[in-house]
Structure formats: structure tokens, C-alpha cells
Amino acid sequence: MLDGLDEEECLEEGGQATEKKMRLSMHQVKALEKNFDVGNKLEPERKVKLAEELGLQPRQVAIWFQNRRACWKTKVLEKDYAMLKANREKEPPRNCSDCLNSPSDNRQLSGDDCPSVVFN
């Protein structure tokens, strides 16, 4: 173990060890998560300070935040989709005449644009 990090060897297809992959300790992950909750973007000074406190390279901290933002964005999109889907299921089905004669929308919709039409 190096500075609380677990080592894991990465293997090429041929089975040759090429480099050591460093895993973060639970303490490091918790500290990074706590900092992510404060703000999901890193200023350079904050990145360097956090890296020094955790015994990591600034690049490792930056990559961790980048990966965490990607996961966070995916979870937000999934949550939004689930909410939209639930709201959509609560609404009574609209018939096409509602779509074509809607006073709230000045444009005329074709049958292809109708949200109540489902194609399989």
C-alpha cells in the first residue's frame, strides 16, 4: 500500500502488467464527496489544496471531479426522465383533435407530431 491507496495492476490483452492503477481510500472518497457537495467545479487553488490534504496529485483530483460530475449529470437526467414519465402517465390521453385545434399553440400539428400517437 502507498499512502493509504490500494494498488491494482492493469493487464493488457496479452496478460502483461503495464501500470499500477491507484484506488482511493474511503477517507479520500468521503473528503472528495464532501467537497463535491460544496461545489461541483474546482478552482485551481482549491484543487491543489485538496490534493495536498489527501496526498493525491492535482490531476487525480481534477479527474475524480470530472467523473463525478458525469455521474451526477446522468442521475439528474434519469430523475428528470422518471418525473416526466410519471407526469405523462397521470395525464389522460389526448386525442388528435385536441392537438390539431389547441388554442395555446398557433401552429397546426400533423398526425406525426401528435404526442398521443405511439408508433411501435
PDB file of N, CA and C in Angstrom:
ATOM      1  N   MET A   1       0.822  -1.190   0.000  1.00  0.00           N
ATOM      2  CA  MET A   1       0.000   0.000   0.000  1.00  0.00           C
ATOM      3  C   MET A   1       0.860   1.245   0.000  1.00  0.00           C
ATOM      4  N   LEU A   2       0.428   2.260  -0.737  1.00  0.00           N
ATOM      5  CA  LEU A   2       1.141   3.523  -0.779  1.00  0.00           C
ATOM      6  C   LEU A   2       0.235   4.633  -0.287  1.00  0.00           C
ATOM      7  N   ASP A   3       0.568   5.295   0.810  1.00  0.00           N
ATOM      8  CA  ASP A   3      -0.191   6.430   1.339  1.00  0.00           C
ATOM      9  C   ASP A   3      -1.684   6.151   1.415  1.00  0.00           C
ATOM     10  N   GLY A   4      -2.078   4.980   1.858  1.00  0.00           N
ATOM     11  CA  GLY A   4      -3.492   4.672   2.013  1.00  0.00           C
ATOM     12  C   GLY A   4      -4.197   4.318   0.716  1.00  0.00           C
ATOM     13  N   LEU A   5      -3.458   4.145  -0.353  1.00  0.00           N
ATOM     14  CA  LEU A   5      -4.054   3.786  -1.634  1.00  0.00           C
ATOM     15  C   LEU A   5      -3.820   2.316  -1.904  1.00  0.00           C
ATOM     16  N   ASP A   6      -4.825   1.660  -2.435  1.00  0.00           N
ATOM     17  CA  ASP A   6      -4.662   0.266  -2.828  1.00  0.00           C
ATOM     18  C   ASP A   6      -4.103   0.222  -4.231  1.00  0.00           C
ATOM     19  N   GLU A   7      -3.255  -0.747  -4.492  1.00  0.00           N
ATOM     20  CA  GLU A   7      -2.693  -0.905  -5.822  1.00  0.00           C
ATOM     21  C   GLU A   7      -3.435  -2.017  -6.555  1.00  0.00           C
ATOM     22  N   GLU A   8      -3.662  -1.805  -7.822  1.00  0.00           N
ATOM     23  CA  GLU A   8      -4.265  -2.842  -8.653  1.00  0.00           C
ATOM     24  C   GLU A   8      -3.541  -2.796  -9.995  1.00  0.00           C
ATOM     25  N   GLU A   9      -3.057  -3.941 -10.418  1.00  0.00           N
ATOM     26  CA  GLU A   9      -2.333  -3.970 -11.677  1.00  0.00           C
ATOM     27  C   GLU A   9      -3.307  -4.035 -12.836  1.00  0.00           C
ATOM     28  N   CYS A  10      -3.030  -3.222 -13.862  1.00  0.00           N
ATOM     29  CA  CYS A  10      -3.824  -3.260 -15.088  1.00  0.00           C
ATOM     30  C   CYS A  10      -3.139  -4.218 -16.042  1.00  0.00           C
ATOM     31  N   LEU A  11      -3.915  -5.055 -16.684  1.00  0.00           N
ATOM     32  CA  LEU A  11      -3.349  -6.035 -17.597  1.00  0.00           C
ATOM     33  C   LEU A  11      -3.719  -5.715 -19.031  1.00  0.00           C
ATOM     34  N   GLU A  12      -2.780  -5.893 -19.927  1.00  0.00           N
ATOM     35  CA  GLU A  12      -3.064  -5.796 -21.352  1.00  0.00           C
ATOM     36  C   GLU A  12      -3.744  -7.079 -21.778  1.00  0.00           C
ATOM     37  N   GLU A  13      -4.189  -7.132 -23.032  1.00  0.00           N
ATOM     38  CA  GLU A  13      -4.843  -8.332 -23.540  1.00  0.00           C
ATOM     39  C   GLU A  13      -3.932  -9.543 -23.451  1.00  0.00           C
ATOM     40  N   GLY A  14      -2.660  -9.340 -23.590  1.00  0.00           N
ATOM     41  CA  GLY A  14      -1.707 -10.438 -23.544  1.00  0.00           C
ATOM     42  C   GLY A  14      -1.396 -10.894 -22.126  1.00  0.00           C
ATOM     43  N   GLY A  15      -1.963 -10.237 -21.116  1.00  0.00           N
ATOM     44  CA  GLY A  15      -1.725 -10.634 -19.737  1.00  0.00           C
ATOM     45  C   GLY A  15      -0.510  -9.970 -19.120  1.00  0.00           C
ATOM     46  N   GLN A  16       0.111  -9.035 -19.821  1.00  0.00           N
ATOM     47  CA  GLN A  16       1.289  -8.351 -19.308  1.00  0.00           C
ATOM     48  C   GLN A  16       0.873  -7.186 -18.401  1.00  0.00           C
ATOM     49  N   ALA A  17       1.512  -7.062 -17.242  1.00  0.00           N
ATOM     50  CA  ALA A  17       1.245  -5.925 -16.361  1.00  0.00           C
ATOM     51  C   ALA A  17       1.900  -4.688 -16.961  1.00  0.00           C
ATOM     52  N   THR A  18       1.111  -3.616 -17.128  1.00  0.00           N
ATOM     53  CA  THR A  18       1.641  -2.418 -17.761  1.00  0.00           C
ATOM     54  C   THR A  18       1.810  -1.267 -16.783  1.00  0.00           C
ATOM     55  N   GLU A  19       0.865  -1.095 -15.875  1.00  0.00           N
ATOM     56  CA  GLU A  19       0.959   0.010 -14.937  1.00  0.00           C
ATOM     57  C   GLU A  19       0.140  -0.327 -13.699  1.00  0.00           C
ATOM     58  N   LYS A  20       0.369   0.426 -12.653  1.00  0.00           N
ATOM     59  CA  LYS A  20      -0.379   0.235 -11.416  1.00  0.00           C
ATOM     60  C   LYS A  20      -1.531   1.232 -11.411  1.00  0.00           C
ATOM     61  N   LYS A  21      -2.735   0.748 -11.102  1.00  0.00           N
ATOM     62  CA  LYS A  21      -3.896   1.609 -11.015  1.00  0.00           C
ATOM     63  C   LYS A  21      -4.149   1.893  -9.539  1.00  0.00           C
ATOM     64  N   MET A  22      -4.176   3.149  -9.194  1.00  0.00           N
ATOM     65  CA  MET A  22      -4.340   3.534  -7.802  1.00  0.00           C
ATOM     66  C   MET A  22      -5.817   3.676  -7.470  1.00  0.00           C
ATOM     67  N   ARG A  23      -6.242   3.088  -6.379  1.00  0.00           N
ATOM     68  CA  ARG A  23      -7.593   3.216  -5.871  1.00  0.00           C
ATOM     69  C   ARG A  23      -7.570   4.170  -4.677  1.00  0.00           C
ATOM     70  N   LEU A  24      -8.615   4.957  -4.540  1.00  0.00           N
ATOM     71  CA  LEU A  24      -8.684   5.898  -3.436  1.00  0.00           C
ATOM     72  C   LEU A  24      -9.163   5.197  -2.167  1.00  0.00           C
ATOM     73  N   SER A  25      -8.694   5.677  -1.036  1.00  0.00           N
ATOM     74  CA  SER A  25      -9.158   5.131   0.241  1.00  0.00           C
ATOM     75  C   SER A  25     -10.541   5.699   0.545  1.00  0.00           C
ATOM     76  N   MET A  26     -11.230   5.088   1.499  1.00  0.00           N
ATOM     77  CA  MET A  26     -12.562   5.563   1.894  1.00  0.00           C
ATOM     78  C   MET A  26     -12.485   6.988   2.433  1.00  0.00           C
ATOM     79  N   HIS A  27     -11.430   7.280   3.164  1.00  0.00           N
ATOM     80  CA  HIS A  27     -11.236   8.633   3.701  1.00  0.00           C
ATOM     81  C   HIS A  27     -11.134   9.653   2.560  1.00  0.00           C
ATOM     82  N   GLN A  28     -10.378   9.316   1.535  1.00  0.00           N
ATOM     83  CA  GLN A  28     -10.199  10.224   0.404  1.00  0.00           C
ATOM     84  C   GLN A  28     -11.515  10.416  -0.357  1.00  0.00           C
ATOM     85  N   VAL A  29     -12.232   9.327  -0.567  1.00  0.00           N
ATOM     86  CA  VAL A  29     -13.504   9.407  -1.290  1.00  0.00           C
ATOM     87  C   VAL A  29     -14.498  10.264  -0.510  1.00  0.00           C
ATOM     88  N   LYS A  30     -14.583  10.060   0.805  1.00  0.00           N
ATOM     89  CA  LYS A  30     -15.514  10.844   1.620  1.00  0.00           C
ATOM     90  C   LYS A  30     -15.161  12.328   1.573  1.00  0.00           C
ATOM     91  N   ALA A  31     -13.871  12.633   1.635  1.00  0.00           N
ATOM     92  CA  ALA A  31     -13.448  14.032   1.577  1.00  0.00           C
ATOM     93  C   ALA A  31     -13.769  14.641   0.210  1.00  0.00           C
ATOM     94  N   LEU A  32     -13.553  13.878  -0.846  1.00  0.00           N
ATOM     95  CA  LEU A  32     -13.869  14.369  -2.192  1.00  0.00           C
ATOM     96  C   LEU A  32     -15.381  14.568  -2.356  1.00  0.00           C
ATOM     97  N   GLU A  33     -16.168  13.625  -1.851  1.00  0.00           N
ATOM     98  CA  GLU A  33     -17.631  13.741  -1.922  1.00  0.00           C
ATOM     99  C   GLU A  33     -18.109  14.978  -1.162  1.00  0.00           C
ATOM    100  N   LYS A  34     -17.540  15.198   0.012  1.00  0.00           N
ATOM    101  CA  LYS A  34     -17.912  16.359   0.820  1.00  0.00           C
ATOM    102  C   LYS A  34     -17.602  17.653   0.062  1.00  0.00           C
ATOM    103  N   ASN A  35     -16.460  17.695  -0.574  1.00  0.00           N
ATOM    104  CA  ASN A  35     -16.087  18.871  -1.357  1.00  0.00           C
ATOM    105  C   ASN A  35     -16.953  19.020  -2.597  1.00  0.00           C
ATOM    106  N   PHE A  36     -17.364  17.906  -3.185  1.00  0.00           N
ATOM    107  CA  PHE A  36     -18.234  17.948  -4.361  1.00  0.00           C
ATOM    108  C   PHE A  36     -19.596  18.535  -3.986  1.00  0.00           C
ATOM    109  N   ASP A  37     -20.081  18.200  -2.784  1.00  0.00           N
ATOM    110  CA  ASP A  37     -21.355  18.736  -2.314  1.00  0.00           C
ATOM    111  C   ASP A  37     -21.294  20.249  -2.142  1.00  0.00           C
ATOM    112  N   VAL A  38     -20.127  20.759  -1.763  1.00  0.00           N
ATOM    113  CA  VAL A  38     -19.942  22.207  -1.614  1.00  0.00           C
ATOM    114  C   VAL A  38     -19.992  22.886  -2.977  1.00  0.00           C
ATOM    115  N   GLY A  39     -19.358  22.294  -3.952  1.00  0.00           N
ATOM    116  CA  GLY A  39     -19.342  22.836  -5.309  1.00  0.00           C
ATOM    117  C   GLY A  39     -18.770  21.812  -6.252  1.00  0.00           C
ATOM    118  N   ASN A  40     -19.466  21.591  -7.383  1.00  0.00           N
ATOM    119  CA  ASN A  40     -19.006  20.523  -8.274  1.00  0.00           C
ATOM    120  C   ASN A  40     -17.961  20.983  -9.288  1.00  0.00           C
ATOM    121  N   LYS A  41     -17.571  22.240  -9.231  1.00  0.00           N
ATOM    122  CA  LYS A  41     -16.478  22.737 -10.074  1.00  0.00           C
ATOM    123  C   LYS A  41     -15.299  23.096  -9.179  1.00  0.00           C
ATOM    124  N   LEU A  42     -14.101  22.862  -9.673  1.00  0.00           N
ATOM    125  CA  LEU A  42     -12.889  23.122  -8.890  1.00  0.00           C
ATOM    126  C   LEU A  42     -12.131  24.329  -9.419  1.00  0.00           C
ATOM    127  N   GLU A  43     -11.837  25.265  -8.537  1.00  0.00           N
ATOM    128  CA  GLU A  43     -10.907  26.326  -8.889  1.00  0.00           C
ATOM    129  C   GLU A  43      -9.498  25.756  -8.703  1.00  0.00           C
ATOM    130  N   PRO A  44      -8.519  26.260  -9.447  1.00  0.00           N
ATOM    131  CA  PRO A  44      -7.155  25.701  -9.351  1.00  0.00           C
ATOM    132  C   PRO A  44      -6.594  25.686  -7.924  1.00  0.00           C
ATOM    133  N   GLU A  45      -6.856  26.751  -7.158  1.00  0.00           N
ATOM    134  CA  GLU A  45      -6.327  26.796  -5.789  1.00  0.00           C
ATOM    135  C   GLU A  45      -6.969  25.715  -4.923  1.00  0.00           C
ATOM    136  N   ARG A  46      -8.259  25.541  -5.071  1.00  0.00           N
ATOM    137  CA  ARG A  46      -8.977  24.530  -4.299  1.00  0.00           C
ATOM    138  C   ARG A  46      -8.509  23.121  -4.663  1.00  0.00           C
ATOM    139  N   LYS A  47      -8.258  22.910  -5.950  1.00  0.00           N
ATOM    140  CA  LYS A  47      -7.785  21.601  -6.416  1.00  0.00           C
ATOM    141  C   LYS A  47      -6.426  21.271  -5.795  1.00  0.00           C
ATOM    142  N   VAL A  48      -5.511  22.213  -5.804  1.00  0.00           N
ATOM    143  CA  VAL A  48      -4.166  21.991  -5.257  1.00  0.00           C
ATOM    144  C   VAL A  48      -4.240  21.756  -3.754  1.00  0.00           C
ATOM    145  N   LYS A  49      -5.047  22.561  -3.059  1.00  0.00           N
ATOM    146  CA  LYS A  49      -5.176  22.412  -1.608  1.00  0.00           C
ATOM    147  C   LYS A  49      -5.764  21.050  -1.252  1.00  0.00           C
ATOM    148  N   LEU A  50      -6.804  20.655  -1.962  1.00  0.00           N
ATOM    149  CA  LEU A  50      -7.441  19.365  -1.706  1.00  0.00           C
ATOM    150  C   LEU A  50      -6.481  18.213  -2.001  1.00  0.00           C
ATOM    151  N   ALA A  51      -5.733  18.319  -3.085  1.00  0.00           N
ATOM    152  CA  ALA A  51      -4.762  17.281  -3.440  1.00  0.00           C
ATOM    153  C   ALA A  51      -3.700  17.137  -2.349  1.00  0.00           C
ATOM    154  N   GLU A  52      -3.214  18.254  -1.837  1.00  0.00           N
ATOM    155  CA  GLU A  52      -2.205  18.212  -0.771  1.00  0.00           C
ATOM    156  C   GLU A  52      -2.762  17.583   0.502  1.00  0.00           C
ATOM    157  N   GLU A  53      -4.014  17.965   0.857  1.00  0.00           N
ATOM    158  CA  GLU A  53      -4.637  17.425   2.065  1.00  0.00           C
ATOM    159  C   GLU A  53      -4.833  15.916   1.987  1.00  0.00           C
ATOM    160  N   LEU A  54      -5.122  15.418   0.779  1.00  0.00           N
ATOM    161  CA  LEU A  54      -5.442  13.998   0.610  1.00  0.00           C
ATOM    162  C   LEU A  54      -4.270  13.158   0.124  1.00  0.00           C
ATOM    163  N   GLY A  55      -3.142  13.788  -0.141  1.00  0.00           N
ATOM    164  CA  GLY A  55      -1.979  13.050  -0.614  1.00  0.00           C
ATOM    165  C   GLY A  55      -2.138  12.546  -2.039  1.00  0.00           C
ATOM    166  N   LEU A  56      -2.831  13.319  -2.870  1.00  0.00           N
ATOM    167  CA  LEU A  56      -3.060  12.956  -4.273  1.00  0.00           C
ATOM    168  C   LEU A  56      -2.415  13.980  -5.184  1.00  0.00           C
ATOM    169  N   GLN A  57      -2.325  13.633  -6.437  1.00  0.00           N
ATOM    170  CA  GLN A  57      -1.881  14.581  -7.443  1.00  0.00           C
ATOM    171  C   GLN A  57      -3.059  15.480  -7.818  1.00  0.00           C
ATOM    172  N   PRO A  58      -2.832  16.755  -8.114  1.00  0.00           N
ATOM    173  CA  PRO A  58      -3.926  17.636  -8.531  1.00  0.00           C
ATOM    174  C   PRO A  58      -4.706  17.075  -9.722  1.00  0.00           C
ATOM    175  N   ARG A  59      -4.004  16.401 -10.622  1.00  0.00           N
ATOM    176  CA  ARG A  59      -4.673  15.813 -11.787  1.00  0.00           C
ATOM    177  C   ARG A  59      -5.654  14.715 -11.373  1.00  0.00           C
ATOM    178  N   GLN A  60      -5.286  13.930 -10.341  1.00  0.00           N
ATOM    179  CA  GLN A  60      -6.189  12.888  -9.850  1.00  0.00           C
ATOM    180  C   GLN A  60      -7.481  13.502  -9.301  1.00  0.00           C
ATOM    181  N   VAL A  61      -7.336  14.604  -8.571  1.00  0.00           N
ATOM    182  CA  VAL A  61      -8.497  15.287  -8.010  1.00  0.00           C
ATOM    183  C   VAL A  61      -9.367  15.835  -9.136  1.00  0.00           C
ATOM    184  N   ALA A  62      -8.743  16.440 -10.141  1.00  0.00           N
ATOM    185  CA  ALA A  62      -9.496  17.004 -11.266  1.00  0.00           C
ATOM    186  C   ALA A  62     -10.261  15.921 -12.019  1.00  0.00           C
ATOM    187  N   ILE A  63      -9.626  14.794 -12.252  1.00  0.00           N
ATOM    188  CA  ILE A  63     -10.276  13.688 -12.964  1.00  0.00           C
ATOM    189  C   ILE A  63     -11.404  13.109 -12.121  1.00  0.00           C
ATOM    190  N   TRP A  64     -11.203  12.990 -10.813  1.00  0.00           N
ATOM    191  CA  TRP A  64     -12.258  12.480  -9.943  1.00  0.00           C
ATOM    192  C   TRP A  64     -13.487  13.390 -10.038  1.00  0.00           C
ATOM    193  N   PHE A  65     -13.265  14.703  -9.964  1.00  0.00           N
ATOM    194  CA  PHE A  65     -14.386  15.644 -10.068  1.00  0.00           C
ATOM    195  C   PHE A  65     -15.061  15.550 -11.437  1.00  0.00           C
ATOM    196  N   GLN A  66     -14.286  15.408 -12.477  1.00  0.00           N
ATOM    197  CA  GLN A  66     -14.848  15.285 -13.826  1.00  0.00           C
ATOM    198  C   GLN A  66     -15.726  14.038 -13.926  1.00  0.00           C
ATOM    199  N   ASN A  67     -15.238  12.919 -13.430  1.00  0.00           N
ATOM    200  CA  ASN A  67     -16.016  11.679 -13.456  1.00  0.00           C
ATOM    201  C   ASN A  67     -17.262  11.785 -12.569  1.00  0.00           C
ATOM    202  N   ARG A  68     -17.116  12.420 -11.424  1.00  0.00           N
ATOM    203  CA  ARG A  68     -18.243  12.565 -10.506  1.00  0.00           C
ATOM    204  C   ARG A  68     -19.325  13.459 -11.110  1.00  0.00           C
ATOM    205  N   ARG A  69     -18.927  14.523 -11.809  1.00  0.00           N
ATOM    206  CA  ARG A  69     -19.906  15.383 -12.486  1.00  0.00           C
ATOM    207  C   ARG A  69     -20.664  14.614 -13.553  1.00  0.00           C
ATOM    208  N   ALA A  70     -19.987  13.750 -14.274  1.00  0.00           N
ATOM    209  CA  ALA A  70     -20.635  12.934 -15.304  1.00  0.00           C
ATOM    210  C   ALA A  70     -21.680  12.014 -14.676  1.00  0.00           C
ATOM    211  N   CYS A  71     -21.335  11.376 -13.562  1.00  0.00           N
ATOM    212  CA  CYS A  71     -22.294  10.507 -12.858  1.00  0.00           C
ATOM    213  C   CYS A  71     -23.463  11.325 -12.333  1.00  0.00           C
ATOM    214  N   TRP A  72     -23.170  12.477 -11.770  1.00  0.00           N
ATOM    215  CA  TRP A  72     -24.206  13.354 -11.226  1.00  0.00           C
ATOM    216  C   TRP A  72     -25.173  13.793 -12.329  1.00  0.00           C
ATOM    217  N   LYS A  73     -24.628  14.165 -13.469  1.00  0.00           N
ATOM    218  CA  LYS A  73     -25.460  14.599 -14.590  1.00  0.00           C
ATOM    219  C   LYS A  73     -26.375  13.464 -15.061  1.00  0.00           C
ATOM    220  N   THR A  74     -25.847  12.265 -15.135  1.00  0.00           N
ATOM    221  CA  THR A  74     -26.648  11.110 -15.547  1.00  0.00           C
ATOM    222  C   THR A  74     -27.783  10.863 -14.559  1.00  0.00           C
ATOM    223  N   LYS A  75     -27.486  10.942 -13.268  1.00  0.00           N
ATOM    224  CA  LYS A  75     -28.521  10.727 -12.257  1.00  0.00           C
ATOM    225  C   LYS A  75     -29.594  11.804 -12.327  1.00  0.00           C
ATOM    226  N   VAL A  76     -29.201  13.044 -12.571  1.00  0.00           N
ATOM    227  CA  VAL A  76     -30.176  14.135 -12.699  1.00  0.00           C
ATOM    228  C   VAL A  76     -31.074  13.895 -13.912  1.00  0.00           C
ATOM    229  N   LEU A  77     -30.477  13.488 -15.029  1.00  0.00           N
ATOM    230  CA  LEU A  77     -31.266  13.211 -16.224  1.00  0.00           C
ATOM    231  C   LEU A  77     -32.233  12.050 -16.000  1.00  0.00           C
ATOM    232  N   GLU A  78     -31.779  10.994 -15.325  1.00  0.00           N
ATOM    233  CA  GLU A  78     -32.652   9.857 -15.031  1.00  0.00           C
ATOM    234  C   GLU A  78     -33.810  10.274 -14.129  1.00  0.00           C
ATOM    235  N   LYS A  79     -33.515  11.111 -13.148  1.00  0.00           N
ATOM    236  CA  LYS A  79     -34.548  11.595 -12.230  1.00  0.00           C
ATOM    237  C   LYS A  79     -35.564  12.453 -12.988  1.00  0.00           C
ATOM    238  N   ASP A  80     -35.084  13.355 -13.834  1.00  0.00           N
ATOM    239  CA  ASP A  80     -35.973  14.202 -14.628  1.00  0.00           C
ATOM    240  C   ASP A  80     -36.837  13.364 -15.562  1.00  0.00           C
ATOM    241  N   TYR A  81     -36.243  12.365 -16.185  1.00  0.00           N
ATOM    242  CA  TYR A  81     -36.988  11.497 -17.092  1.00  0.00           C
ATOM    243  C   TYR A  81     -38.086  10.749 -16.338  1.00  0.00           C
ATOM    244  N   ALA A  82     -37.754  10.219 -15.170  1.00  0.00           N
ATOM    245  CA  ALA A  82     -38.742   9.489 -14.370  1.00  0.00           C
ATOM    246  C   ALA A  82     -39.891  10.402 -13.963  1.00  0.00           C
ATOM    247  N   MET A  83     -39.565  11.648 -13.609  1.00  0.00           N
ATOM    248  CA  MET A  83     -40.603  12.589 -13.218  1.00  0.00           C
ATOM    249  C   MET A  83     -41.499  12.928 -14.420  1.00  0.00           C
ATOM    250  N   LEU A  84     -40.906  13.179 -15.571  1.00  0.00           N
ATOM    251  CA  LEU A  84     -41.690  13.465 -16.773  1.00  0.00           C
ATOM    252  C   LEU A  84     -42.565  12.273 -17.160  1.00  0.00           C
ATOM    253  N   LYS A  85     -41.993  11.088 -17.054  1.00  0.00           N
ATOM    254  CA  LYS A  85     -42.744   9.874 -17.387  1.00  0.00           C
ATOM    255  C   LYS A  85     -43.928   9.694 -16.438  1.00  0.00           C
ATOM    256  N   ALA A  86     -43.699   9.923 -15.140  1.00  0.00           N
ATOM    257  CA  ALA A  86     -44.775   9.794 -14.160  1.00  0.00           C
ATOM    258  C   ALA A  86     -45.872  10.826 -14.426  1.00  0.00           C
ATOM    259  N   ASN A  87     -45.482  12.044 -14.737  1.00  0.00           N
ATOM    260  CA  ASN A  87     -46.462  13.087 -15.048  1.00  0.00           C
ATOM    261  C   ASN A  87     -47.237  12.745 -16.310  1.00  0.00           C
ATOM    262  N   ARG A  88     -46.542  12.210 -17.282  1.00  0.00           N
ATOM    263  CA  ARG A  88     -47.175  11.833 -18.547  1.00  0.00           C
ATOM    264  C   ARG A  88     -48.201  10.718 -18.328  1.00  0.00           C
ATOM    265  N   GLU A  89     -47.881   9.777 -17.457  1.00  0.00           N
ATOM    266  CA  GLU A  89     -48.792   8.666 -17.185  1.00  0.00           C
ATOM    267  C   GLU A  89     -50.019   9.121 -16.405  1.00  0.00           C
ATOM    268  N   LYS A  90     -49.906  10.210 -15.635  1.00  0.00           N
ATOM    269  CA  LYS A  90     -51.034  10.743 -14.879  1.00  0.00           C
ATOM    270  C   LYS A  90     -52.036  11.463 -15.786  1.00  0.00           C
ATOM    271  N   GLU A  91     -51.536  12.066 -16.866  1.00  0.00           N
ATOM    272  CA  GLU A  91     -52.397  12.825 -17.769  1.00  0.00           C
ATOM    273  C   GLU A  91     -53.322  11.887 -18.530  1.00  0.00           C
ATOM    274  N   PRO A  92     -54.584  12.311 -18.738  1.00  0.00           N
ATOM    275  CA  PRO A  92     -55.453  11.497 -19.580  1.00  0.00           C
ATOM    276  C   PRO A  92     -54.969  11.578 -21.023  1.00  0.00           C
ATOM    277  N   PRO A  93     -55.160  10.516 -21.784  1.00  0.00           N
ATOM    278  CA  PRO A  93     -54.700  10.548 -23.171  1.00  0.00           C
ATOM    279  C   PRO A  93     -55.425  11.635 -23.950  1.00  0.00           C
ATOM    280  N   ARG A  94     -54.678  12.327 -24.785  1.00  0.00           N
ATOM    281  CA  ARG A  94     -55.260  13.363 -25.631  1.00  0.00           C
ATOM    282  C   ARG A  94     -55.568  12.756 -26.975  1.00  0.00           C
ATOM    283  N   ASN A  95     -56.681  13.171 -27.577  1.00  0.00           N
ATOM    284  CA  ASN A  95     -56.930  12.681 -28.927  1.00  0.00           C
ATOM    285  C   ASN A  95     -56.368  13.689 -29.920  1.00  0.00           C
ATOM    286  N   CYS A  96     -56.250  13.291 -31.142  1.00  0.00           N
ATOM    287  CA  CYS A  96     -55.596  14.120 -32.150  1.00  0.00           C
ATOM    288  C   CYS A  96     -56.327  15.429 -32.386  1.00  0.00           C
ATOM    289  N   SER A  97     -57.643  15.472 -32.218  1.00  0.00           N
ATOM    290  CA  SER A  97     -58.353  16.724 -32.434  1.00  0.00           C
ATOM    291  C   SER A  97     -57.921  17.757 -31.402  1.00  0.00           C
ATOM    292  N   ASP A  98     -57.556  17.299 -30.181  1.00  0.00           N
ATOM    293  CA  ASP A  98     -57.039  18.232 -29.180  1.00  0.00           C
ATOM    294  C   ASP A  98     -55.722  18.846 -29.649  1.00  0.00           C
ATOM    295  N   CYS A  99     -54.878  18.035 -30.264  1.00  0.00           N
ATOM    296  CA  CYS A  99     -53.584  18.520 -30.738  1.00  0.00           C
ATOM    297  C   CYS A  99     -53.771  19.495 -31.898  1.00  0.00           C
ATOM    298  N   LEU A 100     -54.649  19.161 -32.809  1.00  0.00           N
ATOM    299  CA  LEU A 100     -54.802  19.955 -34.027  1.00  0.00           C
ATOM    300  C   LEU A 100     -55.533  21.265 -33.786  1.00  0.00           C
ATOM    301  N   ASN A 101     -56.355  21.346 -32.761  1.00  0.00           N
ATOM    302  CA  ASN A 101     -57.163  22.537 -32.524  1.00  0.00           C
ATOM    303  C   ASN A 101     -56.799  23.246 -31.228  1.00  0.00           C
ATOM    304  N   SER A 102     -55.598  23.041 -30.756  1.00  0.00           N
ATOM    305  CA  SER A 102     -55.180  23.628 -29.494  1.00  0.00           C
ATOM    306  C   SER A 102     -55.050  25.140 -29.620  1.00  0.00           C
ATOM    307  N   PRO A 103     -55.802  25.935 -28.809  1.00  0.00           N
ATOM    308  CA  PRO A 103     -55.697  27.391 -28.887  1.00  0.00           C
ATOM    309  C   PRO A 103     -54.380  27.904 -28.309  1.00  0.00           C
ATOM    310  N   SER A 104     -53.710  27.114 -27.467  1.00  0.00           N
ATOM    311  CA  SER A 104     -52.458  27.568 -26.870  1.00  0.00           C
ATOM    312  C   SER A 104     -51.298  27.487 -27.846  1.00  0.00           C
ATOM    313  N   ASP A 105     -51.509  26.807 -28.957  1.00  0.00           N
ATOM    314  CA  ASP A 105     -50.444  26.636 -29.938  1.00  0.00           C
ATOM    315  C   ASP A 105     -50.954  27.136 -31.277  1.00  0.00           C
ATOM    316  N   ASN A 106     -50.331  28.151 -31.837  1.00  0.00           N
ATOM    317  CA  ASN A 106     -50.796  28.751 -33.082  1.00  0.00           C
ATOM    318  C   ASN A 106     -50.534  27.889 -34.303  1.00  0.00           C
ATOM    319  N   ARG A 107     -49.613  26.968 -34.208  1.00  0.00           N
ATOM    320  CA  ARG A 107     -49.281  26.164 -35.375  1.00  0.00           C
ATOM    321  C   ARG A 107     -50.153  24.919 -35.429  1.00  0.00           C
ATOM    322  N   GLN A 108     -50.396  24.439 -36.594  1.00  0.00           N
ATOM    323  CA  GLN A 108     -51.165  23.213 -36.781  1.00  0.00           C
ATOM    324  C   GLN A 108     -50.206  22.031 -36.749  1.00  0.00           C
ATOM    325  N   LEU A 109     -50.573  21.012 -36.012  1.00  0.00           N
ATOM    326  CA  LEU A 109     -49.741  19.819 -35.916  1.00  0.00           C
ATOM    327  C   LEU A 109     -50.265  18.760 -36.861  1.00  0.00           C
ATOM    328  N   SER A 110     -49.362  18.014 -37.444  1.00  0.00           N
ATOM    329  CA  SER A 110     -49.778  16.889 -38.265  1.00  0.00           C
ATOM    330  C   SER A 110     -49.901  15.674 -37.361  1.00  0.00           C
ATOM    331  N   GLY A 111     -50.435  14.596 -37.870  1.00  0.00           N
ATOM    332  CA  GLY A 111     -50.556  13.363 -37.098  1.00  0.00           C
ATOM    333  C   GLY A 111     -49.217  12.853 -36.616  1.00  0.00           C
ATOM    334  N   ASP A 112     -48.142  13.153 -37.380  1.00  0.00           N
ATOM    335  CA  ASP A 112     -46.800  12.710 -36.982  1.00  0.00           C
ATOM    336  C   ASP A 112     -46.318  13.445 -35.739  1.00  0.00           C
ATOM    337  N   ASP A 113     -46.827  14.682 -35.520  1.00  0.00           N
ATOM    338  CA  ASP A 113     -46.389  15.485 -34.396  1.00  0.00           C
ATOM    339  C   ASP A 113     -47.194  15.215 -33.127  1.00  0.00           C
ATOM    340  N   CYS A 114     -48.283  14.481 -33.264  1.00  0.00           N
ATOM    341  CA  CYS A 114     -49.196  14.284 -32.144  1.00  0.00           C
ATOM    342  C   CYS A 114     -48.541  13.443 -31.046  1.00  0.00           C
ATOM    343  N   PRO A 115     -48.447  13.979 -29.820  1.00  0.00           N
ATOM    344  CA  PRO A 115     -47.799  13.213 -28.749  1.00  0.00           C
ATOM    345  C   PRO A 115     -48.638  12.027 -28.278  1.00  0.00           C
ATOM    346  N   SER A 116     -49.925  11.988 -28.629  1.00  0.00           N
ATOM    347  CA  SER A 116     -50.746  10.863 -28.167  1.00  0.00           C
ATOM    348  C   SER A 116     -50.646   9.674 -29.107  1.00  0.00           C
ATOM    349  N   VAL A 117     -50.008   9.865 -30.274  1.00  0.00           N
ATOM    350  CA  VAL A 117     -49.848   8.769 -31.230  1.00  0.00           C
ATOM    351  C   VAL A 117     -48.561   8.031 -30.900  1.00  0.00           C
ATOM    352  N   VAL A 118     -48.653   6.731 -30.692  1.00  0.00           N
ATOM    353  CA  VAL A 118     -47.481   5.929 -30.362  1.00  0.00           C
ATOM    354  C   VAL A 118     -47.237   4.959 -31.510  1.00  0.00           C
ATOM    355  N   PHE A 119     -46.013   4.948 -31.994  1.00  0.00           N
ATOM    356  CA  PHE A 119     -45.641   4.030 -33.081  1.00  0.00           C
ATOM    357  C   PHE A 119     -44.783   2.936 -32.503  1.00  0.00           C
ATOM    358  N   ASN A 120     -45.013   1.714 -32.917  1.00  0.00           N
ATOM    359  CA  ASN A 120     -44.211   0.584 -32.441  1.00  0.00           C
ATOM    360  C   ASN A 120     -43.252   0.149 -33.509  1.00  0.00           C
TER     361      ASN A 120
END
